[in-house]
PDB file of N, CA and C in Angstrom:
ATOM      1  N   THR A   1      -1.763 -25.766 -27.081  1.00  0.00           N
ATOM      2  CA  THR A   1      -2.137 -24.394 -27.317  1.00  0.00           C
ATOM      3  C   THR A   1      -1.759 -24.037 -28.743  1.00  0.00           C
ATOM      4  N   SER A   2      -2.520 -23.171 -29.336  1.00  0.00           N
ATOM      5  CA  SER A   2      -2.187 -22.750 -30.688  1.00  0.00           C
ATOM      6  C   SER A   2      -2.535 -21.278 -30.863  1.00  0.00           C
ATOM      7  N   MET A   3      -2.031 -20.720 -31.950  1.00  0.00           N
ATOM      8  CA  MET A   3      -2.377 -19.344 -32.297  1.00  0.00           C
ATOM      9  C   MET A   3      -2.657 -19.309 -33.779  1.00  0.00           C
ATOM     10  N   SER A   4      -3.311 -18.268 -34.214  1.00  0.00           N
ATOM     11  CA  SER A   4      -3.625 -18.106 -35.621  1.00  0.00           C
ATOM     12  C   SER A   4      -3.113 -16.750 -36.071  1.00  0.00           C
ATOM     13  N   TYR A   5      -2.489 -16.731 -37.249  1.00  0.00           N
ATOM     14  CA  TYR A   5      -1.974 -15.499 -37.813  1.00  0.00           C
ATOM     15  C   TYR A   5      -2.307 -15.502 -39.285  1.00  0.00           C
ATOM     16  N   LEU A   6      -3.083 -14.520 -39.715  1.00  0.00           N
ATOM     17  CA  LEU A   6      -3.524 -14.408 -41.102  1.00  0.00           C
ATOM     18  C   LEU A   6      -4.173 -15.703 -41.595  1.00  0.00           C
ATOM     19  N   GLY A   7      -5.004 -16.279 -40.739  1.00  0.00           N
ATOM     20  CA  GLY A   7      -5.770 -17.455 -41.119  1.00  0.00           C
ATOM     21  C   GLY A   7      -5.012 -18.766 -41.075  1.00  0.00           C
ATOM     22  N   GLN A   8      -3.762 -18.757 -40.650  1.00  0.00           N
ATOM     23  CA  GLN A   8      -2.997 -19.996 -40.560  1.00  0.00           C
ATOM     24  C   GLN A   8      -2.697 -20.291 -39.093  1.00  0.00           C
ATOM     25  N   ASP A   9      -2.868 -21.558 -38.690  1.00  0.00           N
ATOM     26  CA  ASP A   9      -2.629 -21.949 -37.302  1.00  0.00           C
ATOM     27  C   ASP A   9      -1.162 -22.284 -37.078  1.00  0.00           C
ATOM     28  N   TYR A  10      -0.659 -21.915 -35.898  1.00  0.00           N
ATOM     29  CA  TYR A  10       0.728 -22.181 -35.514  1.00  0.00           C
ATOM     30  C   TYR A  10       0.739 -22.715 -34.088  1.00  0.00           C
ATOM     31  N   PRO A  11       1.625 -23.679 -33.797  1.00  0.00           N
ATOM     32  CA  PRO A  11       1.742 -24.146 -32.406  1.00  0.00           C
ATOM     33  C   PRO A  11       2.394 -23.068 -31.558  1.00  0.00           C
ATOM     34  N   VAL A  12       2.007 -23.027 -30.303  1.00  0.00           N
ATOM     35  CA  VAL A  12       2.585 -22.056 -29.379  1.00  0.00           C
ATOM     36  C   VAL A  12       3.323 -22.830 -28.296  1.00  0.00           C
ATOM     37  N   THR A  13       4.579 -22.501 -28.100  1.00  0.00           N
ATOM     38  CA  THR A  13       5.379 -23.201 -27.092  1.00  0.00           C
ATOM     39  C   THR A  13       5.752 -22.300 -25.931  1.00  0.00           C
ATOM     40  N   VAL A  14       5.137 -21.143 -25.819  1.00  0.00           N
ATOM     41  CA  VAL A  14       5.558 -20.192 -24.793  1.00  0.00           C
ATOM     42  C   VAL A  14       5.270 -20.648 -23.374  1.00  0.00           C
ATOM     43  N   LEU A  15       4.301 -21.523 -23.172  1.00  0.00           N
ATOM     44  CA  LEU A  15       3.956 -21.884 -21.802  1.00  0.00           C
ATOM     45  C   LEU A  15       5.029 -22.673 -21.085  1.00  0.00           C
ATOM     46  N   TYR A  16       5.824 -23.441 -21.801  1.00  0.00           N
ATOM     47  CA  TYR A  16       6.753 -24.284 -21.076  1.00  0.00           C
ATOM     48  C   TYR A  16       7.814 -23.483 -20.334  1.00  0.00           C
ATOM     49  N   ARG A  17       8.093 -22.259 -20.713  1.00  0.00           N
ATOM     50  CA  ARG A  17       9.090 -21.501 -19.967  1.00  0.00           C
ATOM     51  C   ARG A  17       8.563 -21.143 -18.573  1.00  0.00           C
ATOM     52  N   PHE A  18       7.269 -21.160 -18.383  1.00  0.00           N
ATOM     53  CA  PHE A  18       6.711 -20.931 -17.057  1.00  0.00           C
ATOM     54  C   PHE A  18       6.477 -22.239 -16.325  1.00  0.00           C
ATOM     55  N   MET A  19       6.540 -23.346 -17.020  1.00  0.00           N
ATOM     56  CA  MET A  19       6.244 -24.636 -16.439  1.00  0.00           C
ATOM     57  C   MET A  19       7.515 -25.456 -16.246  1.00  0.00           C
ATOM     58  N   THR A  20       8.544 -24.823 -15.778  1.00  0.00           N
ATOM     59  CA  THR A  20       9.759 -25.530 -15.418  1.00  0.00           C
ATOM     60  C   THR A  20       9.791 -25.615 -13.905  1.00  0.00           C
ATOM     61  N   ASN A  21      10.528 -26.559 -13.384  1.00  0.00           N
ATOM     62  CA  ASN A  21      10.600 -26.708 -11.933  1.00  0.00           C
ATOM     63  C   ASN A  21      11.450 -25.638 -11.282  1.00  0.00           C
ATOM     64  N   GLU A  22      12.360 -25.065 -12.041  1.00  0.00           N
ATOM     65  CA  GLU A  22      13.237 -24.059 -11.476  1.00  0.00           C
ATOM     66  C   GLU A  22      13.174 -22.786 -12.309  1.00  0.00           C
ATOM     67  N   ILE A  23      13.664 -21.721 -11.724  1.00  0.00           N
ATOM     68  CA  ILE A  23      13.773 -20.468 -12.473  1.00  0.00           C
ATOM     69  C   ILE A  23      15.041 -20.555 -13.302  1.00  0.00           C
ATOM     70  N   LEU A  24      14.903 -20.398 -14.597  1.00  0.00           N
ATOM     71  CA  LEU A  24      16.039 -20.494 -15.496  1.00  0.00           C
ATOM     72  C   LEU A  24      16.996 -19.331 -15.289  1.00  0.00           C
ATOM     73  N   SER A  25      18.261 -19.558 -15.602  1.00  0.00           N
ATOM     74  CA  SER A  25      19.220 -18.458 -15.559  1.00  0.00           C
ATOM     75  C   SER A  25      18.868 -17.480 -16.677  1.00  0.00           C
ATOM     76  N   LYS A  26      19.355 -16.252 -16.560  1.00  0.00           N
ATOM     77  CA  LYS A  26      19.059 -15.247 -17.573  1.00  0.00           C
ATOM     78  C   LYS A  26      19.559 -15.707 -18.942  1.00  0.00           C
ATOM     79  N   GLU A  27      20.724 -16.334 -18.992  1.00  0.00           N
ATOM     80  CA  GLU A  27      21.287 -16.794 -20.257  1.00  0.00           C
ATOM     81  C   GLU A  27      20.430 -17.904 -20.875  1.00  0.00           C
ATOM     82  N   GLU A  28      20.021 -18.882 -20.049  1.00  0.00           N
ATOM     83  CA  GLU A  28      19.161 -19.973 -20.545  1.00  0.00           C
ATOM     84  C   GLU A  28      17.824 -19.424 -21.042  1.00  0.00           C
ATOM     85  N   TRP A  29      17.235 -18.549 -20.247  1.00  0.00           N
ATOM     86  CA  TRP A  29      15.937 -17.982 -20.582  1.00  0.00           C
ATOM     87  C   TRP A  29      15.998 -17.192 -21.883  1.00  0.00           C
ATOM     88  N   PHE A  30      17.013 -16.338 -22.003  1.00  0.00           N
ATOM     89  CA  PHE A  30      17.149 -15.510 -23.190  1.00  0.00           C
ATOM     90  C   PHE A  30      17.378 -16.376 -24.426  1.00  0.00           C
ATOM     91  N   SER A  31      18.255 -17.347 -24.329  1.00  0.00           N
ATOM     92  CA  SER A  31      18.549 -18.228 -25.463  1.00  0.00           C
ATOM     93  C   SER A  31      17.299 -18.971 -25.920  1.00  0.00           C
ATOM     94  N   MET A  32      16.549 -19.522 -24.961  1.00  0.00           N
ATOM     95  CA  MET A  32      15.342 -20.273 -25.282  1.00  0.00           C
ATOM     96  C   MET A  32      14.293 -19.373 -25.945  1.00  0.00           C
ATOM     97  N   ASN A  33      14.081 -18.192 -25.395  1.00  0.00           N
ATOM     98  CA  ASN A  33      13.080 -17.293 -25.947  1.00  0.00           C
ATOM     99  C   ASN A  33      13.474 -16.752 -27.306  1.00  0.00           C
ATOM    100  N   LEU A  34      14.745 -16.479 -27.470  1.00  0.00           N
ATOM    101  CA  LEU A  34      15.239 -15.993 -28.753  1.00  0.00           C
ATOM    102  C   LEU A  34      14.988 -17.030 -29.843  1.00  0.00           C
ATOM    103  N   GLU A  35      15.286 -18.285 -29.550  1.00  0.00           N
ATOM    104  CA  GLU A  35      15.074 -19.350 -30.531  1.00  0.00           C
ATOM    105  C   GLU A  35      13.591 -19.559 -30.813  1.00  0.00           C
ATOM    106  N   GLU A  36      12.761 -19.558 -29.767  1.00  0.00           N
ATOM    107  CA  GLU A  36      11.306 -19.696 -29.942  1.00  0.00           C
ATOM    108  C   GLU A  36      10.755 -18.594 -30.843  1.00  0.00           C
ATOM    109  N   ALA A  37      11.144 -17.367 -30.542  1.00  0.00           N
ATOM    110  CA  ALA A  37      10.642 -16.232 -31.312  1.00  0.00           C
ATOM    111  C   ALA A  37      11.134 -16.291 -32.751  1.00  0.00           C
ATOM    112  N   ARG A  38      12.404 -16.637 -32.923  1.00  0.00           N
ATOM    113  CA  ARG A  38      12.965 -16.731 -34.274  1.00  0.00           C
ATOM    114  C   ARG A  38      12.190 -17.760 -35.104  1.00  0.00           C
ATOM    115  N   LEU A  39      11.951 -18.928 -34.535  1.00  0.00           N
ATOM    116  CA  LEU A  39      11.210 -19.971 -35.248  1.00  0.00           C
ATOM    117  C   LEU A  39       9.763 -19.561 -35.512  1.00  0.00           C
ATOM    118  N   ALA A  40       9.158 -18.856 -34.559  1.00  0.00           N
ATOM    119  CA  ALA A  40       7.778 -18.395 -34.756  1.00  0.00           C
ATOM    120  C   ALA A  40       7.709 -17.397 -35.910  1.00  0.00           C
ATOM    121  N   PHE A  41       8.650 -16.459 -35.965  1.00  0.00           N
ATOM    122  CA  PHE A  41       8.660 -15.472 -37.047  1.00  0.00           C
ATOM    123  C   PHE A  41       8.923 -16.144 -38.398  1.00  0.00           C
ATOM    124  N   ILE A  42       9.802 -17.130 -38.423  1.00  0.00           N
ATOM    125  CA  ILE A  42      10.068 -17.861 -39.669  1.00  0.00           C
ATOM    126  C   ILE A  42       8.814 -18.606 -40.115  1.00  0.00           C
ATOM    127  N   SER A  43       8.106 -19.226 -39.152  1.00  0.00           N
ATOM    128  CA  SER A  43       6.897 -19.973 -39.503  1.00  0.00           C
ATOM    129  C   SER A  43       5.789 -19.052 -40.016  1.00  0.00           C
ATOM    130  N   MET A  44       5.905 -17.747 -39.711  1.00  0.00           N
ATOM    131  CA  MET A  44       4.940 -16.779 -40.210  1.00  0.00           C
ATOM    132  C   MET A  44       5.386 -16.174 -41.536  1.00  0.00           C
ATOM    133  N   GLY A  45       6.463 -16.721 -42.100  1.00  0.00           N
ATOM    134  CA  GLY A  45       6.879 -16.303 -43.431  1.00  0.00           C
ATOM    135  C   GLY A  45       8.011 -15.297 -43.481  1.00  0.00           C
ATOM    136  N   GLN A  46       8.606 -14.957 -42.333  1.00  0.00           N
ATOM    137  CA  GLN A  46       9.704 -14.005 -42.360  1.00  0.00           C
ATOM    138  C   GLN A  46      11.006 -14.705 -42.755  1.00  0.00           C
ATOM    139  N   SER A  47      11.901 -13.943 -43.354  1.00  0.00           N
ATOM    140  CA  SER A  47      13.220 -14.481 -43.704  1.00  0.00           C
ATOM    141  C   SER A  47      14.009 -14.737 -42.428  1.00  0.00           C
ATOM    142  N   GLU A  48      15.078 -15.534 -42.535  1.00  0.00           N
ATOM    143  CA  GLU A  48      15.926 -15.814 -41.377  1.00  0.00           C
ATOM    144  C   GLU A  48      16.445 -14.522 -40.754  1.00  0.00           C
ATOM    145  N   ALA A  49      16.929 -13.606 -41.604  1.00  0.00           N
ATOM    146  CA  ALA A  49      17.505 -12.355 -41.104  1.00  0.00           C
ATOM    147  C   ALA A  49      16.460 -11.501 -40.391  1.00  0.00           C
ATOM    148  N   LYS A  50      15.272 -11.372 -40.999  1.00  0.00           N
ATOM    149  CA  LYS A  50      14.213 -10.570 -40.390  1.00  0.00           C
ATOM    150  C   LYS A  50      13.718 -11.219 -39.107  1.00  0.00           C
ATOM    151  N   ALA A  51      13.600 -12.542 -39.108  1.00  0.00           N
ATOM    152  CA  ALA A  51      13.157 -13.265 -37.912  1.00  0.00           C
ATOM    153  C   ALA A  51      14.146 -13.069 -36.773  1.00  0.00           C
ATOM    154  N   GLU A  52      15.437 -13.136 -37.073  1.00  0.00           N
ATOM    155  CA  GLU A  52      16.471 -12.931 -36.057  1.00  0.00           C
ATOM    156  C   GLU A  52      16.385 -11.514 -35.484  1.00  0.00           C
ATOM    157  N   LYS A  53      16.224 -10.535 -36.377  1.00  0.00           N
ATOM    158  CA  LYS A  53      16.129  -9.134 -35.953  1.00  0.00           C
ATOM    159  C   LYS A  53      14.907  -8.922 -35.061  1.00  0.00           C
ATOM    160  N   ASN A  54      13.767  -9.440 -35.483  1.00  0.00           N
ATOM    161  CA  ASN A  54      12.539  -9.263 -34.701  1.00  0.00           C
ATOM    162  C   ASN A  54      12.589 -10.013 -33.374  1.00  0.00           C
ATOM    163  N   ALA A  55      13.208 -11.194 -33.369  1.00  0.00           N
ATOM    164  CA  ALA A  55      13.341 -11.945 -32.120  1.00  0.00           C
ATOM    165  C   ALA A  55      14.178 -11.163 -31.117  1.00  0.00           C
ATOM    166  N   ASN A  56      15.274 -10.595 -31.577  1.00  0.00           N
ATOM    167  CA  ASN A  56      16.112  -9.782 -30.686  1.00  0.00           C
ATOM    168  C   ASN A  56      15.374  -8.540 -30.213  1.00  0.00           C
ATOM    169  N   LYS A  57      14.559  -7.975 -31.096  1.00  0.00           N
ATOM    170  CA  LYS A  57      13.794  -6.777 -30.749  1.00  0.00           C
ATOM    171  C   LYS A  57      12.777  -7.091 -29.651  1.00  0.00           C
ATOM    172  N   VAL A  58      12.113  -8.230 -29.765  1.00  0.00           N
ATOM    173  CA  VAL A  58      11.083  -8.619 -28.798  1.00  0.00           C
ATOM    174  C   VAL A  58      11.702  -9.012 -27.462  1.00  0.00           C
ATOM    175  N   TRP A  59      12.697  -9.908 -27.482  1.00  0.00           N
ATOM    176  CA  TRP A  59      13.230 -10.462 -26.241  1.00  0.00           C
ATOM    177  C   TRP A  59      14.450  -9.724 -25.709  1.00  0.00           C
ATOM    178  N   GLY A  60      14.962  -8.786 -26.460  1.00  0.00           N
ATOM    179  CA  GLY A  60      16.122  -8.047 -26.005  1.00  0.00           C
ATOM    180  C   GLY A  60      15.793  -6.853 -25.123  1.00  0.00           C
ATOM    181  N   LYS A  61      14.522  -6.616 -24.888  1.00  0.00           N
ATOM    182  CA  LYS A  61      14.116  -5.462 -24.074  1.00  0.00           C
ATOM    183  C   LYS A  61      14.526  -5.644 -22.615  1.00  0.00           C
ATOM    184  N   GLU A  62      14.958  -4.565 -22.033  1.00  0.00           N
ATOM    185  CA  GLU A  62      15.348  -4.567 -20.625  1.00  0.00           C
ATOM    186  C   GLU A  62      14.139  -4.919 -19.760  1.00  0.00           C
ATOM    187  N   GLY A  63      14.350  -5.754 -18.782  1.00  0.00           N
ATOM    188  CA  GLY A  63      13.299  -6.091 -17.837  1.00  0.00           C
ATOM    189  C   GLY A  63      12.497  -7.330 -18.191  1.00  0.00           C
ATOM    190  N   GLN A  64      12.689  -7.909 -19.374  1.00  0.00           N
ATOM    191  CA  GLN A  64      11.929  -9.097 -19.770  1.00  0.00           C
ATOM    192  C   GLN A  64      12.229 -10.281 -18.848  1.00  0.00           C
ATOM    193  N   TYR A  65      13.499 -10.507 -18.554  1.00  0.00           N
ATOM    194  CA  TYR A  65      13.868 -11.630 -17.690  1.00  0.00           C
ATOM    195  C   TYR A  65      13.313 -11.438 -16.286  1.00  0.00           C
ATOM    196  N   GLU A  66      13.422 -10.233 -15.769  1.00  0.00           N
ATOM    197  CA  GLU A  66      12.916  -9.949 -14.431  1.00  0.00           C
ATOM    198  C   GLU A  66      11.402 -10.165 -14.355  1.00  0.00           C
ATOM    199  N   MET A  67      10.715  -9.848 -15.441  1.00  0.00           N
ATOM    200  CA  MET A  67       9.282 -10.089 -15.500  1.00  0.00           C
ATOM    201  C   MET A  67       8.998 -11.594 -15.478  1.00  0.00           C
ATOM    202  N   PHE A  68       9.820 -12.373 -16.196  1.00  0.00           N
ATOM    203  CA  PHE A  68       9.689 -13.836 -16.172  1.00  0.00           C
ATOM    204  C   PHE A  68       9.835 -14.359 -14.747  1.00  0.00           C
ATOM    205  N   VAL A  69      10.841 -13.887 -14.020  1.00  0.00           N
ATOM    206  CA  VAL A  69      11.093 -14.364 -12.659  1.00  0.00           C
ATOM    207  C   VAL A  69       9.889 -14.071 -11.765  1.00  0.00           C
ATOM    208  N   GLU A  70       9.358 -12.865 -11.841  1.00  0.00           N
ATOM    209  CA  GLU A  70       8.199 -12.510 -11.020  1.00  0.00           C
ATOM    210  C   GLU A  70       6.965 -13.311 -11.426  1.00  0.00           C
ATOM    211  N   ASN A  71       6.747 -13.467 -12.733  1.00  0.00           N
ATOM    212  CA  ASN A  71       5.611 -14.263 -13.204  1.00  0.00           C
ATOM    213  C   ASN A  71       5.740 -15.715 -12.780  1.00  0.00           C
ATOM    214  N   LYS A  72       6.948 -16.246 -12.812  1.00  0.00           N
ATOM    215  CA  LYS A  72       7.187 -17.639 -12.412  1.00  0.00           C
ATOM    216  C   LYS A  72       6.843 -17.818 -10.944  1.00  0.00           C
ATOM    217  N   LYS A  73       7.247 -16.878 -10.113  1.00  0.00           N
ATOM    218  CA  LYS A  73       6.928 -16.962  -8.682  1.00  0.00           C
ATOM    219  C   LYS A  73       5.414 -16.916  -8.465  1.00  0.00           C
ATOM    220  N   SER A  74       4.726 -16.034  -9.187  1.00  0.00           N
ATOM    221  CA  SER A  74       3.262 -15.944  -9.075  1.00  0.00           C
ATOM    222  C   SER A  74       2.607 -17.226  -9.557  1.00  0.00           C
ATOM    223  N   TRP A  75       3.088 -17.759 -10.680  1.00  0.00           N
ATOM    224  CA  TRP A  75       2.548 -19.004 -11.244  1.00  0.00           C
ATOM    225  C   TRP A  75       2.706 -20.133 -10.227  1.00  0.00           C
ATOM    226  N   ASP A  76       3.894 -20.281  -9.663  1.00  0.00           N
ATOM    227  CA  ASP A  76       4.142 -21.348  -8.695  1.00  0.00           C
ATOM    228  C   ASP A  76       3.232 -21.207  -7.479  1.00  0.00           C
ATOM    229  N   LYS A  77       3.034 -19.981  -6.995  1.00  0.00           N
ATOM    230  CA  LYS A  77       2.162 -19.763  -5.842  1.00  0.00           C
ATOM    231  C   LYS A  77       0.712 -20.120  -6.184  1.00  0.00           C
ATOM    232  N   LEU A  78       0.250 -19.718  -7.361  1.00  0.00           N
ATOM    233  CA  LEU A  78      -1.119 -20.051  -7.765  1.00  0.00           C
ATOM    234  C   LEU A  78      -1.324 -21.563  -7.840  1.00  0.00           C
ATOM    235  N   ILE A  79      -0.371 -22.274  -8.400  1.00  0.00           N
ATOM    236  CA  ILE A  79      -0.476 -23.733  -8.510  1.00  0.00           C
ATOM    237  C   ILE A  79      -0.467 -24.368  -7.118  1.00  0.00           C
ATOM    238  N   ALA A  80       0.447 -23.933  -6.254  1.00  0.00           N
ATOM    239  CA  ALA A  80       0.514 -24.473  -4.894  1.00  0.00           C
ATOM    240  C   ALA A  80      -0.792 -24.208  -4.143  1.00  0.00           C
ATOM    241  N   ASP A  81      -1.318 -22.987  -4.257  1.00  0.00           N
ATOM    242  CA  ASP A  81      -2.583 -22.647  -3.598  1.00  0.00           C
ATOM    243  C   ASP A  81      -3.731 -23.495  -4.122  1.00  0.00           C
ATOM    244  N   MET A  82      -3.750 -23.760  -5.426  1.00  0.00           N
ATOM    245  CA  MET A  82      -4.808 -24.568  -6.015  1.00  0.00           C
ATOM    246  C   MET A  82      -4.805 -25.980  -5.423  1.00  0.00           C
ATOM    247  N   PHE A  83      -3.614 -26.577  -5.313  1.00  0.00           N
ATOM    248  CA  PHE A  83      -3.534 -27.926  -4.759  1.00  0.00           C
ATOM    249  C   PHE A  83      -3.856 -27.932  -3.265  1.00  0.00           C
ATOM    250  N   THR A  84      -3.491 -26.886  -2.559  1.00  0.00           N
ATOM    251  CA  THR A  84      -3.844 -26.775  -1.142  1.00  0.00           C
ATOM    252  C   THR A  84      -5.358 -26.715  -0.987  1.00  0.00           C
ATOM    253  N   ASP A  85      -6.025 -25.922  -1.812  1.00  0.00           N
ATOM    254  CA  ASP A  85      -7.488 -25.814  -1.772  1.00  0.00           C
ATOM    255  C   ASP A  85      -8.160 -27.144  -2.116  1.00  0.00           C
ATOM    256  N   ILE A  86      -7.645 -27.815  -3.128  1.00  0.00           N
ATOM    257  CA  ILE A  86      -8.218 -29.120  -3.509  1.00  0.00           C
ATOM    258  C   ILE A  86      -8.067 -30.108  -2.368  1.00  0.00           C
ATOM    259  N   LYS A  87      -6.876 -30.169  -1.787  1.00  0.00           N
ATOM    260  CA  LYS A  87      -6.622 -31.091  -0.683  1.00  0.00           C
ATOM    261  C   LYS A  87      -7.554 -30.794   0.494  1.00  0.00           C
ATOM    262  N   ALA A  88      -7.727 -29.518   0.823  1.00  0.00           N
ATOM    263  CA  ALA A  88      -8.610 -29.140   1.926  1.00  0.00           C
ATOM    264  C   ALA A  88     -10.051 -29.529   1.617  1.00  0.00           C
ATOM    265  N   ASN A  89     -10.485 -29.322   0.387  1.00  0.00           N
ATOM    266  CA  ASN A  89     -11.845 -29.644  -0.013  1.00  0.00           C
ATOM    267  C   ASN A  89     -12.089 -31.145   0.030  1.00  0.00           C
ATOM    268  N   VAL A  90     -11.144 -31.922  -0.443  1.00  0.00           N
ATOM    269  CA  VAL A  90     -11.297 -33.383  -0.483  1.00  0.00           C
ATOM    270  C   VAL A  90     -11.284 -33.963   0.926  1.00  0.00           C
ATOM    271  N   SER A  91     -10.486 -33.409   1.804  1.00  0.00           N
ATOM    272  CA  SER A  91     -10.385 -33.950   3.153  1.00  0.00           C
ATOM    273  C   SER A  91     -11.442 -33.405   4.099  1.00  0.00           C
ATOM    274  N   ASP A  92     -12.284 -32.482   3.629  1.00  0.00           N
ATOM    275  CA  ASP A  92     -13.355 -31.932   4.448  1.00  0.00           C
ATOM    276  C   ASP A  92     -14.361 -33.048   4.733  1.00  0.00           C
ATOM    277  N   THR A  93     -14.655 -33.271   6.005  1.00  0.00           N
ATOM    278  CA  THR A  93     -15.537 -34.393   6.380  1.00  0.00           C
ATOM    279  C   THR A  93     -17.007 -34.040   6.393  1.00  0.00           C
ATOM    280  N   GLN A  94     -17.338 -32.774   6.105  1.00  0.00           N
ATOM    281  CA  GLN A  94     -18.753 -32.409   6.101  1.00  0.00           C
ATOM    282  C   GLN A  94     -19.468 -33.104   4.950  1.00  0.00           C
ATOM    283  N   GLU A  95     -20.733 -33.425   5.216  1.00  0.00           N
ATOM    284  CA  GLU A  95     -21.566 -34.045   4.197  1.00  0.00           C
ATOM    285  C   GLU A  95     -21.949 -33.013   3.150  1.00  0.00           C
ATOM    286  N   ASP A  96     -22.021 -33.441   1.883  1.00  0.00           N
ATOM    287  CA  ASP A  96     -22.549 -32.567   0.851  1.00  0.00           C
ATOM    288  C   ASP A  96     -24.009 -32.317   1.142  1.00  0.00           C
ATOM    289  N   ASP A  97     -24.465 -31.087   0.931  1.00  0.00           N
ATOM    290  CA  ASP A  97     -25.862 -30.758   1.230  1.00  0.00           C
ATOM    291  C   ASP A  97     -26.735 -30.763  -0.021  1.00  0.00           C
ATOM    292  N   TRP A  98     -26.299 -31.387  -1.061  1.00  0.00           N
ATOM    293  CA  TRP A  98     -27.126 -31.477  -2.260  1.00  0.00           C
ATOM    294  C   TRP A  98     -27.352 -32.883  -2.569  1.00  0.00           C
TER     295      TRP A  98
END
């Protein structure tokens, strides 16, 4: 995945926080997101100090971790449902009608 900012492409690493096998602790989640955001802001040309400030501003908001937990549960359910549907479709013994 990538993103573009002012005509320059940047890698995006935000998806892996939803693609873990377990729900991260609040401390692990916050630390990881803070570092990701800080590096993203630096890669967009911000100074270390400004990047740190903006990272804290973005990820320091109340309720961000709780939103991650709920999104993770939804993500896991969607993935499980997708594999259940695929398995049911593959094991269906009806003949294709096309």
